[in-house]
């Protein structure tokens, strides 16, 4: 089983795919938090966004695209 993913003949790490999916999931979560105005109760929203990216990337690498 190869440890790389191929996209149009370009090989890249599964962690890169997980990171891109993690960023998109975190962006979606941030938009929902902003829409419902929940983000105003957060002390420092950029840190929460980075934390969401790390959380989603770790969860995706464990369950969706294992490295």
Protein backbone atom coordinates (compact mmCIF):
# COMPACT_ATOMS: atom_id res chain seq x y z
CA UNK A 1 0.00 0.00 0.00
CA UNK A 2 1.59 3.30 -1.04
CA UNK A 3 2.04 6.08 1.48
CA UNK A 4 1.49 8.82 -1.10
CA UNK A 5 -1.61 10.11 -2.80
CA UNK A 6 -1.54 10.82 -6.53
CA UNK A 7 -3.38 13.74 -8.10
CA UNK A 8 -2.82 14.29 -11.84
CA UNK A 9 0.51 12.51 -11.64
CA UNK A 10 1.74 14.54 -8.67
CA UNK A 11 2.46 12.63 -5.49
CA UNK A 12 1.87 14.27 -2.14
CA UNK A 13 1.67 13.27 1.48
CA UNK A 14 -1.66 12.22 3.02
CA UNK A 15 -0.98 14.74 5.78
CA UNK A 16 -1.22 17.54 3.20
CA UNK A 17 -4.66 16.29 2.15
CA UNK A 18 -5.71 16.07 5.80
CA UNK A 19 -4.44 19.59 6.44
CA UNK A 20 -6.37 21.02 3.49
CA UNK A 21 -9.54 19.25 4.62
CA UNK A 22 -8.90 20.42 8.19
CA UNK A 23 -8.59 24.04 7.07
CA UNK A 24 -11.81 23.84 5.07
CA UNK A 25 -13.68 22.26 7.99
CA UNK A 26 -12.32 24.91 10.35
CA UNK A 27 -13.37 27.65 7.91
CA UNK A 28 -16.87 26.20 7.83
CA UNK A 29 -16.98 26.06 11.61
CA UNK A 30 -15.72 29.64 11.85
CA UNK A 31 -18.41 30.83 9.44
CA UNK A 32 -21.08 29.08 11.50
CA UNK A 33 -19.71 30.56 14.73
CA UNK A 34 -19.69 34.03 13.16
CA UNK A 35 -23.18 33.61 11.70
CA UNK A 36 -24.69 32.72 15.07
CA UNK A 37 -22.48 35.34 16.79
CA UNK A 38 -20.94 32.78 19.13
CA UNK A 39 -17.42 33.94 18.29
CA UNK A 40 -17.92 37.15 20.27
CA UNK A 41 -17.71 35.09 23.45
CA UNK A 42 -14.27 33.76 22.52
CA UNK A 43 -11.28 35.59 23.93
CA UNK A 44 -8.97 35.38 20.90
CA UNK A 45 -10.67 34.04 17.73
CA UNK A 46 -7.50 33.48 15.63
CA UNK A 47 -6.18 31.09 18.27
CA UNK A 48 -9.50 29.24 18.26
CA UNK A 49 -9.28 28.95 14.47
CA UNK A 50 -5.77 27.49 14.66
CA UNK A 51 -6.94 25.10 17.36
CA UNK A 52 -9.83 23.99 15.16
CA UNK A 53 -7.45 23.38 12.26
CA UNK A 54 -5.23 21.22 14.47
CA UNK A 55 -8.21 19.36 15.92
CA UNK A 56 -9.77 18.63 12.54
CA UNK A 57 -6.43 17.65 11.01
CA UNK A 58 -5.76 15.18 13.81
CA UNK A 59 -9.25 13.71 13.63
CA UNK A 60 -9.14 13.41 9.85
CA UNK A 61 -5.70 11.78 9.89
CA UNK A 62 -6.91 9.25 12.43
CA UNK A 63 -10.24 8.33 10.85
CA UNK A 64 -10.46 9.48 7.21
CA UNK A 65 -7.08 9.43 5.44
CA UNK A 66 -4.61 7.52 7.61
CA UNK A 67 -0.97 8.39 7.03
